[in-house]
PDB file of N, CA and C in Angstrom:
ATOM      1  N   MET A   1     -94.061 172.117 -13.868  1.00  0.00           N
ATOM      2  CA  MET A   1     -94.439 172.022 -15.266  1.00  0.00           C
ATOM      3  C   MET A   1     -93.318 171.402 -16.105  1.00  0.00           C
ATOM      4  N   PHE A   2     -92.070 171.782 -15.798  1.00  0.00           N
ATOM      5  CA  PHE A   2     -90.930 171.230 -16.531  1.00  0.00           C
ATOM      6  C   PHE A   2     -90.842 169.721 -16.336  1.00  0.00           C
ATOM      7  N   ARG A   3     -91.039 169.263 -15.101  1.00  0.00           N
ATOM      8  CA  ARG A   3     -90.970 167.824 -14.825  1.00  0.00           C
ATOM      9  C   ARG A   3     -92.044 167.063 -15.594  1.00  0.00           C
ATOM     10  N   LEU A   4     -93.227 167.635 -15.668  1.00  0.00           N
ATOM     11  CA  LEU A   4     -94.314 166.984 -16.404  1.00  0.00           C
ATOM     12  C   LEU A   4     -93.971 166.884 -17.885  1.00  0.00           C
ATOM     13  N   SER A   5     -93.418 167.971 -18.443  1.00  0.00           N
ATOM     14  CA  SER A   5     -93.035 167.958 -19.856  1.00  0.00           C
ATOM     15  C   SER A   5     -91.943 166.927 -20.112  1.00  0.00           C
ATOM     16  N   LEU A   6     -90.974 166.858 -19.200  1.00  0.00           N
ATOM     17  CA  LEU A   6     -89.895 165.886 -19.342  1.00  0.00           C
ATOM     18  C   LEU A   6     -90.431 164.461 -19.267  1.00  0.00           C
ATOM     19  N   LEU A   7     -91.351 164.215 -18.353  1.00  0.00           N
ATOM     20  CA  LEU A   7     -91.946 162.889 -18.218  1.00  0.00           C
ATOM     21  C   LEU A   7     -92.709 162.502 -19.483  1.00  0.00           C
ATOM     22  N   ILE A   8     -93.424 163.428 -20.061  1.00  0.00           N
ATOM     23  CA  ILE A   8     -94.181 163.153 -21.286  1.00  0.00           C
ATOM     24  C   ILE A   8     -93.235 162.822 -22.436  1.00  0.00           C
ATOM     25  N   LEU A   9     -92.090 163.503 -22.501  1.00  0.00           N
ATOM     26  CA  LEU A   9     -91.126 163.233 -23.567  1.00  0.00           C
ATOM     27  C   LEU A   9     -90.407 161.902 -23.380  1.00  0.00           C
ATOM     28  N   LEU A  10     -90.118 161.528 -22.141  1.00  0.00           N
ATOM     29  CA  LEU A  10     -89.362 160.310 -21.884  1.00  0.00           C
ATOM     30  C   LEU A  10     -90.219 159.060 -21.776  1.00  0.00           C
ATOM     31  N   LEU A  11     -91.500 159.208 -21.524  1.00  0.00           N
ATOM     32  CA  LEU A  11     -92.381 158.058 -21.340  1.00  0.00           C
ATOM     33  C   LEU A  11     -92.368 157.083 -22.511  1.00  0.00           C
ATOM     34  N   PRO A  12     -92.443 157.546 -23.771  1.00  0.00           N
ATOM     35  CA  PRO A  12     -92.397 156.574 -24.882  1.00  0.00           C
ATOM     36  C   PRO A  12     -91.094 155.771 -24.918  1.00  0.00           C
ATOM     37  N   ALA A  13     -89.974 156.410 -24.636  1.00  0.00           N
ATOM     38  CA  ALA A  13     -88.693 155.694 -24.641  1.00  0.00           C
ATOM     39  C   ALA A  13     -88.648 154.665 -23.524  1.00  0.00           C
ATOM     40  N   LEU A  14     -89.143 155.013 -22.366  1.00  0.00           N
ATOM     41  CA  LEU A  14     -89.152 154.070 -21.253  1.00  0.00           C
ATOM     42  C   LEU A  14     -90.090 152.906 -21.524  1.00  0.00           C
ATOM     43  N   ALA A  15     -91.200 153.170 -22.157  1.00  0.00           N
ATOM     44  CA  ALA A  15     -92.164 152.114 -22.463  1.00  0.00           C
ATOM     45  C   ALA A  15     -91.609 151.130 -23.486  1.00  0.00           C
ATOM     46  N   CYS A  16     -90.702 151.573 -24.351  1.00  0.00           N
ATOM     47  CA  CYS A  16     -90.124 150.710 -25.379  1.00  0.00           C
ATOM     48  C   CYS A  16     -88.886 149.985 -24.889  1.00  0.00           C
ATOM     49  N   GLY A  17     -88.578 150.080 -23.620  1.00  0.00           N
ATOM     50  CA  GLY A  17     -87.428 149.352 -23.094  1.00  0.00           C
ATOM     51  C   GLY A  17     -86.128 150.110 -23.204  1.00  0.00           C
ATOM     52  N   GLY A  18     -86.180 151.412 -23.376  1.00  0.00           N
ATOM     53  CA  GLY A  18     -84.957 152.201 -23.422  1.00  0.00           C
ATOM     54  C   GLY A  18     -84.666 152.715 -24.811  1.00  0.00           C
ATOM     55  N   TYR A  19     -83.426 153.024 -25.010  1.00  0.00           N
ATOM     56  CA  TYR A  19     -83.041 153.603 -26.290  1.00  0.00           C
ATOM     57  C   TYR A  19     -82.139 152.634 -27.057  1.00  0.00           C
ATOM     58  N   THR A  20     -82.033 152.888 -28.341  1.00  0.00           N
ATOM     59  CA  THR A  20     -81.190 152.068 -29.205  1.00  0.00           C
ATOM     60  C   THR A  20     -79.908 152.821 -29.492  1.00  0.00           C
ATOM     61  N   PHE A  21     -78.789 152.151 -29.333  1.00  0.00           N
ATOM     62  CA  PHE A  21     -77.498 152.761 -29.644  1.00  0.00           C
ATOM     63  C   PHE A  21     -76.701 151.803 -30.507  1.00  0.00           C
ATOM     64  N   VAL A  22     -76.500 152.186 -31.756  1.00  0.00           N
ATOM     65  CA  VAL A  22     -75.627 151.460 -32.672  1.00  0.00           C
ATOM     66  C   VAL A  22     -74.847 152.515 -33.435  1.00  0.00           C
ATOM     67  N   SER A  23     -73.540 152.374 -33.464  1.00  0.00           N
ATOM     68  CA  SER A  23     -72.690 153.343 -34.146  1.00  0.00           C
ATOM     69  C   SER A  23     -71.713 152.591 -35.050  1.00  0.00           C
ATOM     70  N   THR A  24     -71.471 153.141 -36.220  1.00  0.00           N
ATOM     71  CA  THR A  24     -70.503 152.537 -37.145  1.00  0.00           C
ATOM     72  C   THR A  24     -69.094 152.933 -36.730  1.00  0.00           C
ATOM     73  N   VAL A  25     -68.255 151.943 -36.484  1.00  0.00           N
ATOM     74  CA  VAL A  25     -66.846 152.170 -36.147  1.00  0.00           C
ATOM     75  C   VAL A  25     -66.025 152.152 -37.436  1.00  0.00           C
ATOM     76  N   HIS A  26     -66.199 151.107 -38.249  1.00  0.00           N
ATOM     77  CA  HIS A  26     -65.542 150.969 -39.556  1.00  0.00           C
ATOM     78  C   HIS A  26     -66.564 150.376 -40.518  1.00  0.00           C
ATOM     79  N   ARG A  27     -66.460 150.755 -41.794  1.00  0.00           N
ATOM     80  CA  ARG A  27     -67.318 150.151 -42.807  1.00  0.00           C
ATOM     81  C   ARG A  27     -66.499 149.952 -44.068  1.00  0.00           C
ATOM     82  N   TYR A  28     -66.569 148.734 -44.596  1.00  0.00           N
ATOM     83  CA  TYR A  28     -65.865 148.358 -45.810  1.00  0.00           C
ATOM     84  C   TYR A  28     -66.891 147.759 -46.769  1.00  0.00           C
ATOM     85  N   PRO A  29     -66.542 147.601 -48.051  1.00  0.00           N
ATOM     86  CA  PRO A  29     -67.494 146.996 -48.986  1.00  0.00           C
ATOM     87  C   PRO A  29     -67.917 145.583 -48.574  1.00  0.00           C
ATOM     88  N   ASP A  30     -67.034 144.862 -47.870  1.00  0.00           N
ATOM     89  CA  ASP A  30     -67.346 143.466 -47.535  1.00  0.00           C
ATOM     90  C   ASP A  30     -67.557 143.221 -46.039  1.00  0.00           C
ATOM     91  N   GLY A  31     -67.888 144.259 -45.279  1.00  0.00           N
ATOM     92  CA  GLY A  31     -68.145 144.080 -43.854  1.00  0.00           C
ATOM     93  C   GLY A  31     -67.898 145.348 -43.077  1.00  0.00           C
ATOM     94  N   GLY A  32     -67.677 145.185 -41.776  1.00  0.00           N
ATOM     95  CA  GLY A  32     -67.431 146.360 -40.962  1.00  0.00           C
ATOM     96  C   GLY A  32     -67.451 146.035 -39.481  1.00  0.00           C
ATOM     97  N   THR A  33     -67.432 147.092 -38.668  1.00  0.00           N
ATOM     98  CA  THR A  33     -67.488 146.972 -37.218  1.00  0.00           C
ATOM     99  C   THR A  33     -68.507 147.959 -36.694  1.00  0.00           C
ATOM    100  N   LEU A  34     -69.384 147.490 -35.808  1.00  0.00           N
ATOM    101  CA  LEU A  34     -70.399 148.326 -35.178  1.00  0.00           C
ATOM    102  C   LEU A  34     -70.188 148.342 -33.675  1.00  0.00           C
ATOM    103  N   ALA A  35     -70.425 149.490 -33.054  1.00  0.00           N
ATOM    104  CA  ALA A  35     -70.467 149.600 -31.598  1.00  0.00           C
ATOM    105  C   ALA A  35     -71.928 149.445 -31.198  1.00  0.00           C
ATOM    106  N   VAL A  36     -72.186 148.558 -30.233  1.00  0.00           N
ATOM    107  CA  VAL A  36     -73.560 148.212 -29.879  1.00  0.00           C
ATOM    108  C   VAL A  36     -73.744 148.289 -28.368  1.00  0.00           C
ATOM    109  N   ARG A  37     -74.789 148.963 -27.938  1.00  0.00           N
ATOM    110  CA  ARG A  37     -75.152 148.983 -26.523  1.00  0.00           C
ATOM    111  C   ARG A  37     -75.720 147.618 -26.173  1.00  0.00           C
ATOM    112  N   SER A  38     -75.555 147.206 -24.947  1.00  0.00           N
ATOM    113  CA  SER A  38     -75.988 145.861 -24.544  1.00  0.00           C
ATOM    114  C   SER A  38     -77.460 145.832 -24.156  1.00  0.00           C
ATOM    115  N   ASN A  39     -78.328 146.064 -25.127  1.00  0.00           N
ATOM    116  CA  ASN A  39     -79.753 145.838 -24.907  1.00  0.00           C
ATOM    117  C   ASN A  39     -80.358 145.272 -26.190  1.00  0.00           C
ATOM    118  N   GLU A  40     -81.478 144.637 -26.062  1.00  0.00           N
ATOM    119  CA  GLU A  40     -82.062 143.890 -27.180  1.00  0.00           C
ATOM    120  C   GLU A  40     -82.396 144.776 -28.375  1.00  0.00           C
ATOM    121  N   SER A  41     -82.923 145.987 -28.140  1.00  0.00           N
ATOM    122  CA  SER A  41     -83.280 146.839 -29.276  1.00  0.00           C
ATOM    123  C   SER A  41     -82.036 147.277 -30.050  1.00  0.00           C
ATOM    124  N   SER A  42     -80.914 147.476 -29.357  1.00  0.00           N
ATOM    125  CA  SER A  42     -79.675 147.833 -30.049  1.00  0.00           C
ATOM    126  C   SER A  42     -79.161 146.672 -30.888  1.00  0.00           C
ATOM    127  N   TRP A  43     -79.230 145.447 -30.352  1.00  0.00           N
ATOM    128  CA  TRP A  43     -78.790 144.274 -31.116  1.00  0.00           C
ATOM    129  C   TRP A  43     -79.666 144.070 -32.341  1.00  0.00           C
ATOM    130  N   GLU A  44     -80.967 144.291 -32.212  1.00  0.00           N
ATOM    131  CA  GLU A  44     -81.864 144.157 -33.374  1.00  0.00           C
ATOM    132  C   GLU A  44     -81.510 145.181 -34.446  1.00  0.00           C
ATOM    133  N   GLU A  45     -81.234 146.415 -34.041  1.00  0.00           N
ATOM    134  CA  GLU A  45     -80.833 147.445 -35.000  1.00  0.00           C
ATOM    135  C   GLU A  45     -79.510 147.089 -35.667  1.00  0.00           C
ATOM    136  N   ALA A  46     -78.560 146.548 -34.911  1.00  0.00           N
ATOM    137  CA  ALA A  46     -77.277 146.122 -35.491  1.00  0.00           C
ATOM    138  C   ALA A  46     -77.498 145.034 -36.533  1.00  0.00           C
ATOM    139  N   ARG A  47     -78.362 144.073 -36.229  1.00  0.00           N
ATOM    140  CA  ARG A  47     -78.660 142.996 -37.203  1.00  0.00           C
ATOM    141  C   ARG A  47     -79.271 143.577 -38.474  1.00  0.00           C
ATOM    142  N   ARG A  48     -80.187 144.547 -38.329  1.00  0.00           N
ATOM    143  CA  ARG A  48     -80.789 145.185 -39.505  1.00  0.00           C
ATOM    144  C   ARG A  48     -79.730 145.900 -40.345  1.00  0.00           C
ATOM    145  N   ARG A  49     -78.833 146.607 -39.679  1.00  0.00           N
ATOM    146  CA  ARG A  49     -77.787 147.337 -40.419  1.00  0.00           C
ATOM    147  C   ARG A  49     -76.851 146.390 -41.157  1.00  0.00           C
ATOM    148  N   MET A  50     -76.444 145.313 -40.510  1.00  0.00           N
ATOM    149  CA  MET A  50     -75.547 144.354 -41.164  1.00  0.00           C
ATOM    150  C   MET A  50     -76.249 143.703 -42.348  1.00  0.00           C
ATOM    151  N   HIS A  51     -77.506 143.316 -42.171  1.00  0.00           N
ATOM    152  CA  HIS A  51     -78.286 142.682 -43.240  1.00  0.00           C
ATOM    153  C   HIS A  51     -78.436 143.639 -44.422  1.00  0.00           C
ATOM    154  N   ARG A  52     -78.736 144.904 -44.145  1.00  0.00           N
ATOM    155  CA  ARG A  52     -78.902 145.902 -45.205  1.00  0.00           C
ATOM    156  C   ARG A  52     -77.571 146.152 -45.918  1.00  0.00           C
ATOM    157  N   HIS A  53     -76.488 146.313 -45.164  1.00  0.00           N
ATOM    158  CA  HIS A  53     -75.182 146.577 -45.760  1.00  0.00           C
ATOM    159  C   HIS A  53     -74.719 145.411 -46.633  1.00  0.00           C
ATOM    160  N   CYS A  54     -74.972 144.193 -46.187  1.00  0.00           N
ATOM    161  CA  CYS A  54     -74.490 143.007 -46.907  1.00  0.00           C
ATOM    162  C   CYS A  54     -75.495 142.492 -47.923  1.00  0.00           C
ATOM    163  N   ALA A  55     -76.602 143.167 -48.091  1.00  0.00           N
ATOM    164  CA  ALA A  55     -77.655 142.714 -49.004  1.00  0.00           C
ATOM    165  C   ALA A  55     -78.057 141.282 -48.693  1.00  0.00           C
ATOM    166  N   GLY A  56     -78.111 140.972 -47.425  1.00  0.00           N
ATOM    167  CA  GLY A  56     -78.534 139.633 -47.018  1.00  0.00           C
ATOM    168  C   GLY A  56     -77.633 139.042 -45.952  1.00  0.00           C
ATOM    169  N   ASP A  57     -76.983 137.953 -46.305  1.00  0.00           N
ATOM    170  CA  ASP A  57     -76.239 137.167 -45.323  1.00  0.00           C
ATOM    171  C   ASP A  57     -74.933 137.829 -44.888  1.00  0.00           C
ATOM    172  N   TYR A  58     -74.601 137.609 -43.632  1.00  0.00           N
ATOM    173  CA  TYR A  58     -73.353 138.095 -43.052  1.00  0.00           C
ATOM    174  C   TYR A  58     -72.946 137.125 -41.947  1.00  0.00           C
ATOM    175  N   ALA A  59     -71.711 137.232 -41.508  1.00  0.00           N
ATOM    176  CA  ALA A  59     -71.225 136.422 -40.393  1.00  0.00           C
ATOM    177  C   ALA A  59     -70.512 137.337 -39.410  1.00  0.00           C
ATOM    178  N   ILE A  60     -70.825 137.183 -38.136  1.00  0.00           N
ATOM    179  CA  ILE A  60     -70.110 137.913 -37.095  1.00  0.00           C
ATOM    180  C   ILE A  60     -68.828 137.150 -36.817  1.00  0.00           C
ATOM    181  N   VAL A  61     -67.694 137.822 -36.992  1.00  0.00           N
ATOM    182  CA  VAL A  61     -66.404 137.150 -36.851  1.00  0.00           C
ATOM    183  C   VAL A  61     -65.687 137.498 -35.555  1.00  0.00           C
ATOM    184  N   GLU A  62     -66.133 138.563 -34.880  1.00  0.00           N
ATOM    185  CA  GLU A  62     -65.494 138.917 -33.611  1.00  0.00           C
ATOM    186  C   GLU A  62     -66.425 139.809 -32.789  1.00  0.00           C
ATOM    187  N   GLN A  63     -66.437 139.571 -31.485  1.00  0.00           N
ATOM    188  CA  GLN A  63     -67.126 140.428 -30.533  1.00  0.00           C
ATOM    189  C   GLN A  63     -66.125 140.759 -29.440  1.00  0.00           C
ATOM    190  N   ARG A  64     -66.063 142.025 -29.073  1.00  0.00           N
ATOM    191  CA  ARG A  64     -65.106 142.407 -28.034  1.00  0.00           C
ATOM    192  C   ARG A  64     -65.610 143.608 -27.244  1.00  0.00           C
ATOM    193  N   ARG A  65     -65.106 143.727 -26.009  1.00  0.00           N
ATOM    194  CA  ARG A  65     -65.347 144.913 -25.183  1.00  0.00           C
ATOM    195  C   ARG A  65     -64.158 145.839 -25.369  1.00  0.00           C
ATOM    196  N   VAL A  66     -64.434 147.088 -25.647  1.00  0.00           N
ATOM    197  CA  VAL A  66     -63.386 148.062 -25.922  1.00  0.00           C
ATOM    198  C   VAL A  66     -63.518 149.225 -24.945  1.00  0.00           C
ATOM    199  N   VAL A  67     -62.402 149.639 -24.347  1.00  0.00           N
ATOM    200  CA  VAL A  67     -62.405 150.805 -23.473  1.00  0.00           C
ATOM    201  C   VAL A  67     -62.533 152.047 -24.347  1.00  0.00           C
ATOM    202  N   VAL A  68     -63.539 152.879 -24.072  1.00  0.00           N
ATOM    203  CA  VAL A  68     -63.770 154.083 -24.866  1.00  0.00           C
ATOM    204  C   VAL A  68     -63.615 155.362 -24.045  1.00  0.00           C
ATOM    205  N   GLY A  69     -63.312 155.215 -22.769  1.00  0.00           N
ATOM    206  CA  GLY A  69     -63.134 156.385 -21.922  1.00  0.00           C
ATOM    207  C   GLY A  69     -63.041 155.982 -20.470  1.00  0.00           C
ATOM    208  N   GLN A  70     -63.114 156.991 -19.598  1.00  0.00           N
ATOM    209  CA  GLN A  70     -63.076 156.741 -18.164  1.00  0.00           C
ATOM    210  C   GLN A  70     -64.116 157.611 -17.473  1.00  0.00           C
ATOM    211  N   ARG A  71     -64.634 157.100 -16.367  1.00  0.00           N
ATOM    212  CA  ARG A  71     -65.591 157.831 -15.531  1.00  0.00           C
ATOM    213  C   ARG A  71     -64.953 158.000 -14.159  1.00  0.00           C
ATOM    214  N   THR A  72     -64.871 159.231 -13.702  1.00  0.00           N
ATOM    215  CA  THR A  72     -64.285 159.515 -12.394  1.00  0.00           C
ATOM    216  C   THR A  72     -65.366 160.056 -11.472  1.00  0.00           C
ATOM    217  N   THR A  73     -65.459 159.489 -10.285  1.00  0.00           N
ATOM    218  CA  THR A  73     -66.416 159.960  -9.279  1.00  0.00           C
ATOM    219  C   THR A  73     -65.651 160.354  -8.017  1.00  0.00           C
ATOM    220  N   THR A  74     -66.179 161.351  -7.343  1.00  0.00           N
ATOM    221  CA  THR A  74     -65.593 161.820  -6.095  1.00  0.00           C
ATOM    222  C   THR A  74     -66.635 161.683  -4.995  1.00  0.00           C
ATOM    223  N   GLU A  75     -66.236 161.075  -3.895  1.00  0.00           N
ATOM    224  CA  GLU A  75     -67.143 160.846  -2.768  1.00  0.00           C
ATOM    225  C   GLU A  75     -66.501 161.418  -1.504  1.00  0.00           C
ATOM    226  N   LEU A  76     -67.288 162.177  -0.756  1.00  0.00           N
ATOM    227  CA  LEU A  76     -66.803 162.714   0.512  1.00  0.00           C
ATOM    228  C   LEU A  76     -67.128 161.714   1.615  1.00  0.00           C
ATOM    229  N   THR A  77     -66.114 161.323   2.364  1.00  0.00           N
ATOM    230  CA  THR A  77     -66.290 160.390   3.477  1.00  0.00           C
ATOM    231  C   THR A  77     -65.791 161.056   4.756  1.00  0.00           C
ATOM    232  N   ASP A  78     -65.978 160.373   5.882  1.00  0.00           N
ATOM    233  CA  ASP A  78     -65.495 160.902   7.158  1.00  0.00           C
ATOM    234  C   ASP A  78     -63.975 161.039   7.154  1.00  0.00           C
ATOM    235  N   GLU A  79     -63.301 160.193   6.387  1.00  0.00           N
ATOM    236  CA  GLU A  79     -61.846 160.216   6.314  1.00  0.00           C
ATOM    237  C   GLU A  79     -61.329 161.242   5.310  1.00  0.00           C
ATOM    238  N   GLY A  80     -62.187 161.795   4.510  1.00  0.00           N
ATOM    239  CA  GLY A  80     -61.766 162.768   3.494  1.00  0.00           C
ATOM    240  C   GLY A  80     -62.432 162.484   2.163  1.00  0.00           C
ATOM    241  N   GLU A  81     -61.731 162.832   1.134  1.00  0.00           N
ATOM    242  CA  GLU A  81     -62.262 162.685  -0.221  1.00  0.00           C
ATOM    243  C   GLU A  81     -61.738 161.394  -0.841  1.00  0.00           C
ATOM    244  N   ARG A  82     -62.640 160.619  -1.468  1.00  0.00           N
ATOM    245  CA  ARG A  82     -62.234 159.391  -2.153  1.00  0.00           C
ATOM    246  C   ARG A  82     -62.578 159.525  -3.634  1.00  0.00           C
ATOM    247  N   VAL A  83     -61.565 159.397  -4.467  1.00  0.00           N
ATOM    248  CA  VAL A  83     -61.736 159.519  -5.920  1.00  0.00           C
ATOM    249  C   VAL A  83     -61.599 158.132  -6.533  1.00  0.00           C
ATOM    250  N   THR A  84     -62.572 157.761  -7.373  1.00  0.00           N
ATOM    251  CA  THR A  84     -62.563 156.463  -8.039  1.00  0.00           C
ATOM    252  C   THR A  84     -62.654 156.681  -9.547  1.00  0.00           C
ATOM    253  N   THR A  85     -61.800 156.010 -10.284  1.00  0.00           N
ATOM    254  CA  THR A  85     -61.828 156.085 -11.746  1.00  0.00           C
ATOM    255  C   THR A  85     -62.080 154.685 -12.299  1.00  0.00           C
ATOM    256  N   GLN A  86     -63.071 154.589 -13.187  1.00  0.00           N
ATOM    257  CA  GLN A  86     -63.409 153.310 -13.811  1.00  0.00           C
ATOM    258  C   GLN A  86     -63.401 153.466 -15.323  1.00  0.00           C
ATOM    259  N   ASP A  87     -63.004 152.402 -16.006  1.00  0.00           N
ATOM    260  CA  ASP A  87     -63.064 152.401 -17.465  1.00  0.00           C
ATOM    261  C   ASP A  87     -64.510 152.335 -17.935  1.00  0.00           C
ATOM    262  N   VAL A  88     -64.790 152.981 -19.056  1.00  0.00           N
ATOM    263  CA  VAL A  88     -66.092 152.920 -19.712  1.00  0.00           C
ATOM    264  C   VAL A  88     -65.911 152.067 -20.964  1.00  0.00           C
ATOM    265  N   TYR A  89     -66.765 151.067 -21.126  1.00  0.00           N
ATOM    266  CA  TYR A  89     -66.639 150.111 -22.227  1.00  0.00           C
ATOM    267  C   TYR A  89     -67.801 150.232 -23.207  1.00  0.00           C
ATOM    268  N   GLU A  90     -67.567 149.756 -24.420  1.00  0.00           N
ATOM    269  CA  GLU A  90     -68.647 149.501 -25.366  1.00  0.00           C
ATOM    270  C   GLU A  90     -68.368 148.148 -26.007  1.00  0.00           C
ATOM    271  N   ARG A  91     -69.405 147.499 -26.490  1.00  0.00           N
ATOM    272  CA  ARG A  91     -69.270 146.218 -27.176  1.00  0.00           C
ATOM    273  C   ARG A  91     -69.165 146.509 -28.662  1.00  0.00           C
ATOM    274  N   GLN A  92     -68.155 145.952 -29.312  1.00  0.00           N
ATOM    275  CA  GLN A  92     -67.997 146.102 -30.755  1.00  0.00           C
ATOM    276  C   GLN A  92     -68.105 144.735 -31.418  1.00  0.00           C
ATOM    277  N   ILE A  93     -68.838 144.700 -32.521  1.00  0.00           N
ATOM    278  CA  ILE A  93     -68.958 143.462 -33.285  1.00  0.00           C
ATOM    279  C   ILE A  93     -68.429 143.714 -34.699  1.00  0.00           C
ATOM    280  N   THR A  94     -67.606 142.790 -35.159  1.00  0.00           N
ATOM    281  CA  THR A  94     -67.049 142.859 -36.505  1.00  0.00           C
ATOM    282  C   THR A  94     -67.717 141.774 -37.340  1.00  0.00           C
ATOM    283  N   TYR A  95     -68.153 142.153 -38.531  1.00  0.00           N
ATOM    284  CA  TYR A  95     -68.874 141.216 -39.397  1.00  0.00           C
ATOM    285  C   TYR A  95     -68.318 141.261 -40.809  1.00  0.00           C
ATOM    286  N   VAL A  96     -68.545 140.180 -41.537  1.00  0.00           N
ATOM    287  CA  VAL A  96     -68.194 140.115 -42.955  1.00  0.00           C
ATOM    288  C   VAL A  96     -69.442 139.694 -43.730  1.00  0.00           C
ATOM    289  N   CYS A  97     -69.545 140.220 -44.919  1.00  0.00           N
ATOM    290  CA  CYS A  97     -70.677 139.857 -45.777  1.00  0.00           C
ATOM    291  C   CYS A  97     -70.415 138.492 -46.400  1.00  0.00           C
ATOM    292  N   ALA A  98     -71.485 137.792 -46.719  1.00  0.00           N
ATOM    293  CA  ALA A  98     -71.358 136.490 -47.375  1.00  0.00           C
ATOM    294  C   ALA A  98     -70.710 136.689 -48.743  1.00  0.00           C
ATOM    295  N   PRO A  99     -69.941 135.723 -49.185  1.00  0.00           N
ATOM    296  CA  PRO A  99     -69.307 135.835 -50.509  1.00  0.00           C
ATOM    297  C   PRO A  99     -70.353 136.011 -51.602  1.00  0.00           C
ATOM    298  N   ILE A 100     -69.933 136.607 -52.699  1.00  0.00           N
ATOM    299  CA  ILE A 100     -70.835 136.854 -53.834  1.00  0.00           C
ATOM    300  C   ILE A 100     -71.443 135.550 -54.323  1.00  0.00           C
ATOM    301  N   GLU A 101     -70.672 134.459 -54.305  1.00  0.00           N
ATOM    302  CA  GLU A 101     -71.181 133.167 -54.776  1.00  0.00           C
ATOM    303  C   GLU A 101     -72.384 132.720 -53.951  1.00  0.00           C
ATOM    304  N   ALA A 102     -72.351 132.969 -52.647  1.00  0.00           N
ATOM    305  CA  ALA A 102     -73.471 132.573 -51.787  1.00  0.00           C
ATOM    306  C   ALA A 102     -74.726 133.339 -52.170  1.00  0.00           C
ATOM    307  N   HIS A 103     -74.580 134.616 -52.539  1.00  0.00           N
ATOM    308  CA  HIS A 103     -75.731 135.403 -52.966  1.00  0.00           C
ATOM    309  C   HIS A 103     -76.259 134.907 -54.312  1.00  0.00           C
ATOM    310  N   ARG A 104     -75.352 134.545 -55.218  1.00  0.00           N
ATOM    311  CA  ARG A 104     -75.782 134.058 -56.528  1.00  0.00           C
ATOM    312  C   ARG A 104     -76.558 132.756 -56.387  1.00  0.00           C
ATOM    313  N   GLN A 105     -76.079 131.866 -55.509  1.00  0.00           N
ATOM    314  CA  GLN A 105     -76.749 130.580 -55.320  1.00  0.00           C
ATOM    315  C   GLN A 105     -78.137 130.758 -54.715  1.00  0.00           C
ATOM    316  N   SER A 106     -78.294 131.760 -53.840  1.00  0.00           N
ATOM    317  CA  SER A 106     -79.590 131.951 -53.196  1.00  0.00           C
ATOM    318  C   SER A 106     -80.508 132.832 -54.028  1.00  0.00           C
ATOM    319  N   GLY A 107     -79.982 133.442 -55.103  1.00  0.00           N
ATOM    320  CA  GLY A 107     -80.800 134.296 -55.953  1.00  0.00           C
ATOM    321  C   GLY A 107     -80.873 135.732 -55.461  1.00  0.00           C
ATOM    322  N   GLU A 108     -80.109 136.092 -54.405  1.00  0.00           N
ATOM    323  CA  GLU A 108     -80.130 137.454 -53.892  1.00  0.00           C
ATOM    324  C   GLU A 108     -79.186 138.327 -54.692  1.00  0.00           C
ATOM    325  N   THR A 109     -79.363 139.620 -54.554  1.00  0.00           N
ATOM    326  CA  THR A 109     -78.460 140.574 -55.167  1.00  0.00           C
ATOM    327  C   THR A 109     -77.152 140.563 -54.401  1.00  0.00           C
ATOM    328  N   ALA A 110     -76.044 140.542 -55.114  1.00  0.00           N
ATOM    329  CA  ALA A 110     -74.734 140.505 -54.487  1.00  0.00           C
ATOM    330  C   ALA A 110     -74.401 141.848 -53.858  1.00  0.00           C
ATOM    331  N   PRO A 111     -73.640 141.851 -52.764  1.00  0.00           N
ATOM    332  CA  PRO A 111     -73.244 143.129 -52.181  1.00  0.00           C
ATOM    333  C   PRO A 111     -72.297 143.873 -53.117  1.00  0.00           C
ATOM    334  N   ALA A 112     -72.323 145.183 -52.992  1.00  0.00           N
ATOM    335  CA  ALA A 112     -71.452 146.015 -53.822  1.00  0.00           C
ATOM    336  C   ALA A 112     -70.001 145.764 -53.471  1.00  0.00           C
ATOM    337  N   THR A 113     -69.161 145.753 -54.473  1.00  0.00           N
ATOM    338  CA  THR A 113     -67.733 145.595 -54.229  1.00  0.00           C
ATOM    339  C   THR A 113     -67.001 146.762 -54.848  1.00  0.00           C
ATOM    340  N   SER A 114     -65.847 147.050 -54.321  1.00  0.00           N
ATOM    341  CA  SER A 114     -65.013 148.111 -54.898  1.00  0.00           C
ATOM    342  C   SER A 114     -63.560 147.724 -54.678  1.00  0.00           C
ATOM    343  N   SER A 115     -62.707 148.277 -55.498  1.00  0.00           N
ATOM    344  CA  SER A 115     -61.287 148.008 -55.290  1.00  0.00           C
ATOM    345  C   SER A 115     -60.760 149.075 -54.360  1.00  0.00           C
ATOM    346  N   GLY A 116     -60.311 148.672 -53.233  1.00  0.00           N
ATOM    347  CA  GLY A 116     -59.789 149.582 -52.240  1.00  0.00           C
ATOM    348  C   GLY A 116     -59.126 148.777 -51.179  1.00  0.00           C
ATOM    349  N   SER A 117     -58.332 149.441 -50.364  1.00  0.00           N
ATOM    350  CA  SER A 117     -57.665 148.708 -49.316  1.00  0.00           C
ATOM    351  C   SER A 117     -58.135 149.194 -47.965  1.00  0.00           C
ATOM    352  N   ARG A 118     -58.100 148.302 -47.021  1.00  0.00           N
ATOM    353  CA  ARG A 118     -58.424 148.678 -45.643  1.00  0.00           C
ATOM    354  C   ARG A 118     -57.162 149.245 -45.038  1.00  0.00           C
ATOM    355  N   GLY A 119     -57.304 150.312 -44.368  1.00  0.00           N
ATOM    356  CA  GLY A 119     -56.080 150.777 -43.836  1.00  0.00           C
ATOM    357  C   GLY A 119     -56.224 151.629 -42.710  1.00  0.00           C
TER     358      GLY A 119
END
């Protein structure tokens, strides 16, 4: 019965191609950095978040793989125990919002600005 319940709960996620993972790493008035899982639904969600945050246009200025942890596995072999440690990565994208002038020229609402420093 438990397996059936679990299958019923997971079936919609599997049918949609998996899950979406987007996390905010940094956010500033004029851009930010998002951690994105490498699947299409996550990239679409990241694009929506950047568009919403920037009130329209944005530019991706950097993409990088970042080590966020380690995964250790232990395997028993005929020779004994073999331990393997691998880095765990996530993809981070850094974006900047279009300048206020670009929004004024296109007739869009300008992104919010504030006086503050990144630090």
